Protein backbone atom coordinates (compact mmCIF):
# COMPACT_ATOMS: atom_id res chain seq x y z
CA MET A 1 22.39 2.00 -14.28
CA LYS A 2 18.70 0.52 -14.15
CA HIS A 3 15.41 1.99 -12.91
CA GLN A 4 12.69 -0.37 -11.72
CA LEU A 5 8.87 0.90 -11.83
CA ILE A 6 6.13 -1.49 -9.77
CA LEU A 7 2.95 -1.60 -11.33
CA GLU A 8 -0.10 -3.14 -9.45
CA LYS A 9 -3.74 -3.86 -10.66
CA ARG A 10 -6.67 -4.68 -8.65
CA SER A 11 -9.87 -7.02 -9.81
CA LEU A 12 -12.47 -9.00 -8.47
CA ARG A 13 -12.25 -11.49 -11.23
CA HIS A 14 -9.16 -12.85 -13.19
CA LEU A 15 -7.78 -11.15 -15.88
CA ASP A 16 -6.57 -12.09 -19.15
CA ASN A 17 -2.93 -12.66 -20.06
CA GLY A 18 -3.02 -11.21 -23.59
CA VAL A 19 -5.12 -8.29 -22.65
CA MET A 20 -2.66 -7.37 -19.60
CA LYS A 21 0.70 -7.82 -21.61
CA GLU A 22 -1.06 -5.78 -24.55
CA GLN A 23 -1.78 -3.27 -21.68
CA LEU A 24 1.59 -3.21 -20.23
CA THR A 25 3.66 -3.07 -23.53
CA GLY A 26 1.77 0.30 -24.06
CA ILE A 27 2.58 1.72 -20.27
CA ALA A 28 6.16 1.10 -21.35
CA ALA A 29 5.97 2.19 -24.74
CA ARG A 30 4.45 5.94 -23.57
CA ALA A 31 6.91 6.03 -20.79
CA ILE A 32 10.26 6.36 -23.17
CA ALA A 33 8.07 7.92 -26.21
CA GLY A 34 10.12 10.50 -28.02
CA ASN A 35 13.70 11.83 -27.22
CA ARG A 36 13.49 9.60 -23.96
CA GLY A 37 13.84 6.55 -26.22
CA LYS A 38 16.91 8.01 -27.20
CA VAL A 39 18.91 7.53 -23.96
CA TRP A 40 16.38 5.11 -22.42
CA GLN A 41 15.25 1.49 -22.96
CA LEU A 42 12.73 -1.00 -21.76
CA LYS A 43 15.73 -3.62 -19.98
CA ASN A 44 13.47 -6.68 -18.96
CA ARG A 45 10.87 -8.44 -21.49
CA ILE A 46 6.86 -7.61 -20.05
CA GLN A 47 6.75 -10.47 -17.72
CA VAL A 48 2.51 -11.16 -17.19
CA PRO A 49 2.35 -11.37 -13.55
CA GLU A 50 0.00 -14.33 -11.76
CA ALA A 51 -2.73 -13.36 -9.46
CA ARG A 52 -2.38 -12.97 -5.78
CA ILE A 53 -5.33 -13.52 -3.76
CA ASN A 54 -6.06 -11.03 -1.16
CA GLY A 55 -9.26 -10.44 0.74
CA GLU A 56 -10.93 -8.48 -2.11
CA GLY A 57 -10.41 -10.32 -5.22
CA PHE A 58 -7.18 -10.51 -7.17
CA VAL A 59 -3.83 -8.61 -7.31
CA TYR A 60 -1.30 -8.60 -10.05
CA ARG A 61 1.49 -6.46 -9.63
CA THR A 62 5.03 -6.73 -12.00
CA SER A 63 7.61 -4.70 -13.06
CA LEU A 64 9.36 -2.54 -15.76
CA THR A 65 12.78 -2.11 -15.18
CA PHE A 66 14.61 1.01 -17.52
CA GLU A 67 18.31 1.67 -18.36
CA ARG A 68 19.91 4.54 -19.34
CA VAL A 69 21.67 3.72 -22.18
CA GLY A 70 22.64 7.88 -23.69
CA ARG A 71 25.64 9.62 -22.74
CA LYS A 72 27.07 9.96 -19.31
CA ALA A 73 24.93 12.86 -17.42
CA SER A 74 24.68 14.37 -14.29
CA GLU A 75 22.69 12.91 -11.13
CA ASP A 76 20.35 15.73 -11.29
CA ILE A 77 19.58 15.13 -14.88
CA VAL A 78 19.17 11.05 -14.67
CA ASP A 79 16.90 11.68 -11.59
CA ARG A 80 14.78 14.72 -13.86
CA GLN A 81 14.20 12.31 -16.54
CA TRP A 82 13.55 9.14 -14.27
CA GLY A 83 11.02 11.08 -12.90
CA ILE A 84 9.17 12.28 -15.93
CA ILE A 85 9.25 8.61 -17.06
CA GLN A 86 7.58 7.40 -13.78
CA GLN A 87 4.83 10.46 -14.42
CA MET A 88 4.64 9.34 -18.08
CA ALA A 89 3.92 5.28 -17.08
CA GLU A 90 1.42 6.22 -14.24
CA GLY A 91 -1.01 8.44 -16.53
CA ALA A 92 -0.47 5.78 -19.24
CA GLY A 93 -1.20 3.08 -16.56
CA ARG A 94 -4.27 5.18 -14.83
CA SER A 95 -6.75 4.84 -17.78
CA LYS A 96 -6.21 1.15 -17.92
CA GLY A 97 -6.13 0.31 -13.96
CA TRP A 98 -2.46 -0.08 -13.39
CA ASN A 99 -1.09 2.31 -10.65
CA ILE A 100 1.94 2.46 -8.56
CA PRO A 101 1.94 1.29 -5.45
CA ALA A 102 1.94 3.12 -2.22
CA ASP A 103 4.37 0.46 -0.59
CA HIS A 104 6.64 1.38 -3.92
CA GLU A 105 9.60 3.58 -2.98
CA THR A 106 11.02 3.53 -6.21
CA PRO A 107 14.29 1.54 -5.80
CA THR A 108 16.77 1.92 -8.65
CA HIS A 109 18.19 -1.38 -8.68
CA GLU A 110 16.06 -4.65 -9.17
CA SER A 111 14.46 -6.34 -6.56
CA LYS A 112 11.67 -9.07 -5.86
CA THR A 113 8.24 -7.77 -5.88
CA THR A 114 6.39 -11.12 -5.04
CA THR A 115 5.54 -11.91 -1.70
CA GLU A 116 6.34 -15.30 -0.41
CA THR A 117 3.43 -15.72 2.03
CA GLU A 118 0.70 -14.95 -0.42
CA PRO A 119 -0.68 -17.40 -2.68
CA THR A 120 -0.71 -17.01 -6.63
CA VAL A 121 -3.72 -18.43 -8.67
CA GLN A 122 -3.20 -19.70 -12.30
CA GLN A 123 -4.72 -17.80 -15.26
CA LYS A 124 -7.57 -19.82 -16.46
CA PRO A 125 -8.48 -19.64 -20.74
CA LYS A 126 -10.80 -17.56 -21.80
CA ALA A 127 -14.31 -19.00 -21.68
CA PHE A 128 -17.78 -18.89 -19.37
CA THR A 129 -17.60 -20.38 -15.93
CA PRO A 130 -20.80 -23.00 -16.25
CA VAL A 131 -23.83 -22.00 -14.57
CA LYS A 132 -25.22 -24.62 -12.08
CA ILE A 133 -28.78 -24.24 -10.78
CA ASN A 134 -28.97 -26.39 -7.29
CA THR A 135 -31.34 -28.74 -7.24
CA ASP A 136 -32.70 -26.86 -4.01
CA ALA A 137 -33.26 -23.77 -6.02
CA GLY A 138 -36.33 -22.80 -3.64
CA GLN A 139 -34.17 -22.23 -0.60
CA HIS A 140 -33.25 -19.37 -1.85
CA PHE A 141 -36.53 -17.78 -2.05
CA ALA A 142 -38.20 -18.92 0.44
CA HIS A 143 -37.94 -15.35 2.55
CA LEU A 144 -39.84 -13.72 -0.50
CA TYR A 145 -43.48 -13.48 -0.25
CA GLU A 146 -45.84 -13.60 -3.07
CA ARG A 147 -43.23 -13.34 -5.84
CA ASP A 148 -43.54 -17.08 -6.83
CA SER A 149 -44.70 -16.16 -10.43
CA GLN A 150 -41.68 -13.36 -10.93
CA ILE A 151 -39.23 -16.49 -9.72
CA ALA A 152 -40.62 -18.88 -12.28
CA LEU A 153 -40.38 -17.02 -15.23
CA VAL A 154 -36.96 -15.73 -14.07
CA MET A 155 -35.71 -19.66 -13.47
CA SER A 156 -37.16 -20.71 -16.84
CA ALA A 157 -34.89 -17.90 -18.52
CA ILE A 158 -32.22 -18.91 -17.10
CA GLN A 159 -32.96 -23.15 -17.34
CA ALA A 160 -33.50 -22.17 -21.30
CA TYR A 161 -30.31 -20.93 -21.55
CA VAL A 162 -28.40 -23.54 -19.57
CA ASN A 163 -30.24 -26.12 -21.21
CA SER A 164 -29.34 -24.70 -24.63
CA ASN A 165 -25.79 -24.50 -23.93
CA TYR A 166 -25.80 -21.18 -23.57
CA GLU A 167 -27.23 -20.38 -27.46
CA ASP A 168 -30.81 -19.30 -26.42
CA ARG A 169 -30.72 -15.86 -24.24
CA PHE A 170 -34.04 -14.68 -23.82
CA HIS A 171 -33.52 -11.58 -21.35
CA ALA A 172 -35.67 -10.71 -18.61
CA ILE A 173 -36.89 -7.35 -17.18
CA LEU A 174 -38.40 -7.17 -13.54
CA TYR A 175 -40.09 -3.90 -13.46
CA GLY A 176 -42.37 -2.07 -11.03
CA PRO A 177 -42.46 0.47 -7.76
CA PRO A 178 -39.78 0.77 -5.49
CA SER A 179 -39.65 -2.11 -2.79
CA CYS A 180 -41.39 -4.52 -4.11
CA GLY A 181 -38.93 -7.44 -4.46
CA LYS A 182 -37.18 -6.75 -8.10
CA THR A 183 -33.98 -6.60 -6.57
CA GLU A 184 -33.79 -9.07 -4.09
CA ILE A 185 -35.33 -12.04 -6.25
CA LEU A 186 -32.17 -11.23 -8.35
CA ARG A 187 -29.96 -10.77 -5.59
CA SER A 188 -31.54 -14.38 -4.54
CA VAL A 189 -30.69 -15.70 -8.21
CA ALA A 190 -26.82 -13.88 -7.74
CA ARG A 191 -26.64 -16.29 -4.30
CA MET A 192 -28.17 -19.40 -5.88
CA LEU A 193 -26.10 -19.21 -9.16
CA GLY A 194 -22.94 -18.23 -7.29
CA GLU A 195 -20.53 -15.39 -7.70
CA GLU A 196 -18.28 -16.92 -10.09
CA SER A 197 -21.44 -16.99 -12.63
CA VAL A 198 -22.46 -13.57 -11.92
CA LEU A 199 -21.84 -10.55 -13.02
CA VAL A 200 -23.62 -7.47 -10.99
CA PHE A 201 -23.39 -3.96 -12.61
CA ASP A 202 -25.28 -0.94 -10.89
CA ALA A 203 -26.85 0.80 -13.87
CA THR A 204 -26.35 4.17 -11.94
CA SER A 205 -22.46 4.06 -11.47
CA THR A 206 -21.46 2.15 -14.34
CA THR A 207 -19.23 3.90 -16.79
CA LYS A 208 -19.24 2.54 -20.64
CA ALA A 209 -15.42 2.28 -19.71
CA GLY A 210 -15.88 0.46 -16.76
CA ALA A 211 -18.19 -1.77 -18.35
CA GLU A 212 -16.00 -2.26 -21.74
CA ARG A 213 -12.75 -3.30 -19.27
CA THR A 214 -14.38 -5.48 -17.25
CA LEU A 215 -15.82 -7.94 -20.33
CA LEU A 216 -12.69 -7.26 -22.54
CA GLU A 217 -9.99 -7.93 -19.46
CA THR A 218 -11.50 -10.62 -17.43
CA ALA A 219 -10.28 -13.72 -18.35
CA GLU A 220 -13.21 -16.35 -17.25
CA ILE A 221 -16.90 -14.24 -17.73
CA PRO A 222 -19.51 -14.74 -15.54
CA PRO A 223 -22.68 -16.14 -18.08
CA VAL A 224 -25.39 -13.98 -16.41
CA LEU A 225 -25.41 -10.20 -16.06
CA ILE A 226 -27.31 -8.40 -13.86
CA VAL A 227 -28.11 -4.72 -14.11
CA GLU A 228 -29.77 -3.01 -11.31
CA GLU A 229 -31.86 0.33 -12.09
CA ILE A 230 -31.07 0.14 -15.60
CA GLU A 231 -33.16 3.22 -16.62
CA LYS A 232 -31.56 5.51 -14.23
CA THR A 233 -28.22 6.43 -16.33
CA ASP A 234 -27.62 7.93 -19.76
CA GLU A 235 -27.82 6.43 -23.29
CA HIS A 236 -24.19 6.47 -24.01
CA SER A 237 -23.32 4.39 -20.37
CA LEU A 238 -25.54 1.57 -21.68
CA ARG A 239 -24.78 1.85 -25.63
CA TRP A 240 -22.45 -1.00 -25.01
CA LEU A 241 -25.50 -3.39 -24.23
CA LEU A 242 -27.13 -3.17 -27.58
CA GLY A 243 -24.19 -5.49 -28.86
CA VAL A 244 -24.12 -8.03 -26.09
CA LEU A 245 -28.05 -8.70 -25.92
CA ASP A 246 -28.56 -8.80 -29.44
CA HIS A 247 -27.86 -12.05 -31.44
CA ARG A 248 -24.36 -10.62 -32.16
CA ALA A 249 -23.68 -11.36 -28.60
CA GLU A 250 -20.30 -9.16 -29.31
CA LEU A 251 -18.79 -6.50 -27.06
CA ARG A 252 -16.75 -4.21 -29.85
CA LYS A 253 -14.55 -1.23 -28.75
CA ILE A 254 -13.09 0.59 -30.88
CA THR A 255 -10.16 3.97 -30.19
CA HIS A 256 -7.95 5.95 -32.61
CA ARG A 257 -5.63 3.04 -32.31
CA SER A 258 -7.72 0.01 -32.07
CA THR A 259 -10.28 -2.37 -32.22
CA LYS A 260 -11.14 -4.71 -29.33
CA SER A 261 -13.49 -7.31 -29.81
CA ARG A 262 -14.75 -10.24 -27.75
CA SER A 263 -17.87 -12.65 -27.82
CA VAL A 264 -19.98 -12.13 -24.96
CA LYS A 265 -23.09 -14.65 -24.79
CA LEU A 266 -24.38 -13.42 -21.14
CA LEU A 267 -28.05 -13.86 -20.16
CA CYS A 268 -28.90 -10.45 -18.85
CA LEU A 269 -31.49 -9.99 -15.94
CA ALA A 270 -32.45 -6.15 -15.04
CA THR A 271 -34.54 -4.40 -12.64
CA ALA A 272 -36.23 -0.88 -13.32
CA ASN A 273 -39.03 0.96 -11.55
CA ASP A 274 -39.68 3.50 -14.52
CA ILE A 275 -40.62 1.01 -17.64
CA GLU A 276 -41.71 3.67 -19.50
CA LEU A 277 -38.36 5.45 -19.69
CA PHE A 278 -36.78 2.30 -20.26
CA ARG A 279 -38.48 1.52 -23.19
CA LYS A 280 -37.50 5.43 -24.40
CA VAL A 281 -34.35 4.58 -23.83
CA MET A 282 -31.89 4.73 -27.23
CA GLU A 283 -35.71 4.75 -29.29
CA GLY A 284 -36.58 1.65 -27.67
CA SER A 285 -33.88 -0.44 -28.92
CA LEU A 286 -32.53 -2.04 -25.79
CA ALA A 287 -35.95 -2.49 -24.66
CA SER A 288 -36.54 -4.89 -27.62
CA ARG A 289 -34.07 -6.99 -26.93
CA PHE A 290 -35.64 -8.11 -23.46
CA SER A 291 -37.88 -10.94 -24.15
CA HIS A 292 -39.55 -10.62 -20.52
CA HIS A 293 -41.18 -7.79 -19.47
CA ILE A 294 -42.39 -9.27 -16.17
CA TYR A 295 -43.94 -6.54 -13.84
CA SER A 296 -43.71 -6.89 -10.02
CA GLY A 297 -46.37 -4.54 -7.78
CA ARG A 298 -46.28 -3.67 -4.28
CA PRO A 299 -47.35 -6.67 -1.85
CA SER A 300 -50.37 -7.04 0.15
CA ARG A 301 -51.53 -6.42 3.71
CA GLU A 302 -51.55 -10.56 3.99
CA VAL A 303 -48.02 -10.33 3.09
CA LEU A 304 -46.88 -7.22 4.47
CA LYS A 305 -47.75 -9.18 7.52
CA LYS A 306 -45.62 -11.79 6.75
CA ILE A 307 -42.52 -9.42 6.03
CA LEU A 308 -43.06 -7.62 9.51
CA LEU A 309 -43.23 -10.89 11.49
CA ARG A 310 -40.28 -12.13 9.96
CA GLU A 311 -38.64 -8.40 10.77
CA ILE A 312 -40.09 -8.54 14.32
CA GLU A 313 -38.75 -12.39 14.99
CA ARG A 314 -35.29 -10.72 13.08
CA SER A 315 -35.50 -8.04 16.33
CA LYS A 316 -37.01 -10.05 18.71
CA GLY A 317 -40.01 -8.08 18.97
CA ASP A 318 -43.56 -8.01 20.02
CA VAL A 319 -45.67 -9.42 17.35
CA ALA A 320 -48.59 -6.98 18.63
CA TRP A 321 -46.89 -4.10 16.50
CA ILE A 322 -48.27 -5.11 13.40
CA ASP A 323 -51.52 -4.45 12.83
CA PRO A 324 -51.35 -0.68 14.85
CA ALA A 325 -48.45 -0.17 11.92
CA LEU A 326 -50.85 -1.25 9.25
CA ASP A 327 -53.35 0.56 10.02
CA TRP A 328 -51.40 3.65 10.00
CA CYS A 329 -49.31 2.96 6.69
CA LEU A 330 -52.35 1.94 4.82
CA ASP A 331 -55.32 4.18 5.98
CA GLU A 332 -53.50 7.50 7.25
CA GLU A 333 -50.22 7.90 4.73
CA LYS A 334 -52.02 5.48 2.01
CA THR A 335 -48.93 3.49 1.67
CA ASN A 336 -47.93 -0.08 1.12
CA ASP A 337 -44.36 0.87 0.95
CA PRO A 338 -42.47 -2.24 2.77
CA ARG A 339 -39.60 -0.29 3.83
CA ARG A 340 -42.04 2.73 5.55
CA ILE A 341 -44.03 -0.24 7.20
CA ILE A 342 -41.03 -1.81 8.69
CA THR A 343 -39.31 1.33 9.88
CA ILE A 344 -42.72 2.68 11.28
CA CYS A 345 -43.26 -0.97 13.23
CA LEU A 346 -39.71 -0.95 14.33
CA CYS A 347 -39.75 2.83 15.45
CA GLY A 348 -42.93 3.19 16.70
CA ARG A 349 -42.73 -0.55 18.91
CA GLU A 350 -44.67 -0.20 22.16
CA LYS A 351 -45.61 3.41 21.62
CA LEU A 352 -47.71 2.26 18.30
CA LEU A 353 -50.26 0.14 21.22
CA ASP A 354 -51.30 3.76 22.90
CA GLY A 355 -51.74 5.88 19.87
CA SER A 356 -48.38 8.32 21.27
CA TYR A 357 -45.64 6.81 18.02
CA GLN A 358 -48.98 7.97 15.85
CA LYS A 359 -49.31 11.32 17.26
CA HIS A 360 -46.06 12.10 16.53
CA LEU A 361 -46.43 10.91 12.90
CA LYS A 362 -49.71 12.77 12.23
CA ALA A 363 -47.95 16.28 14.06
CA THR A 364 -45.09 16.07 11.41
CA MET A 365 -47.12 15.04 8.61
CA GLU A 366 -47.34 17.93 5.69
CA ASN A 367 -50.68 17.65 5.37
CA LYS A 368 -52.40 17.03 8.27
């Protein structure tokens, strides 16, 4: 009697066929390891699935069909053994991103698992997605004020990377206090280049295992890597970056079973609030990989006015709110944080004009 197990993997990007086949082979071997292999065997060949498009990326679904070949046993024993095989396969698959889908009802016969209405995508070979810099790139940065020099340095690193056929990698880190345009510059870069050319990691939520899995399994690696808040994580989570960013341009994953490596000539663009903390990470070895250290400070009053005008036009407000909001934040709270100033302006609104909103603010200040 044949028993079929459906496995599914979801990804934002195309995955590599060879990596998937190796993973599925390992899952099948773990499922019938030990004594289970004496009475159970994998019946079908490992089938590498094609990608199916959904709204959140790509779905890979395949099946493993097992058959009991040992001496006859009662249905209870067979069901119990099959349950153990499922548990072992599920555990082995989970660590590699494969799961049993919610709609899988564990059929005891072979059945089709592809959905006719879902389009499929052919796998692409391992490669870089080429970087295309739009001739009208400036339009992507038009909403950023007083940041021309920072943008120019970042763009020069990208241009040098492209001109050298992805050999010259002058990694850049934008640093400075929160809300000074660092993240928005890199988001604009990502929009300009397109999502297929950019891989974005948030250092605060990216693990070493997660980063390695993404870079080793993705069939076509985006050439530009953006790492947000790079100093706000533990050193272990960032150690994989050392080999990727230096002249080796190699990601190497070593386990007790195997060693996997891949050439990844990524150009890295990162952000940090605390540059001194970043320069101490791994005794400075990570910071030394970045050729550009680009400071981005808080905007001037004139630039803050432009920012508020943009927000007021968006929300159909009154330009008369701008000066009272700036006067309060700059003179009373001693802050030039754009996020705080936007909050005061759009929440205070007309009450800023007669001073009533400022009274409420003052009444709730810790040090009046």
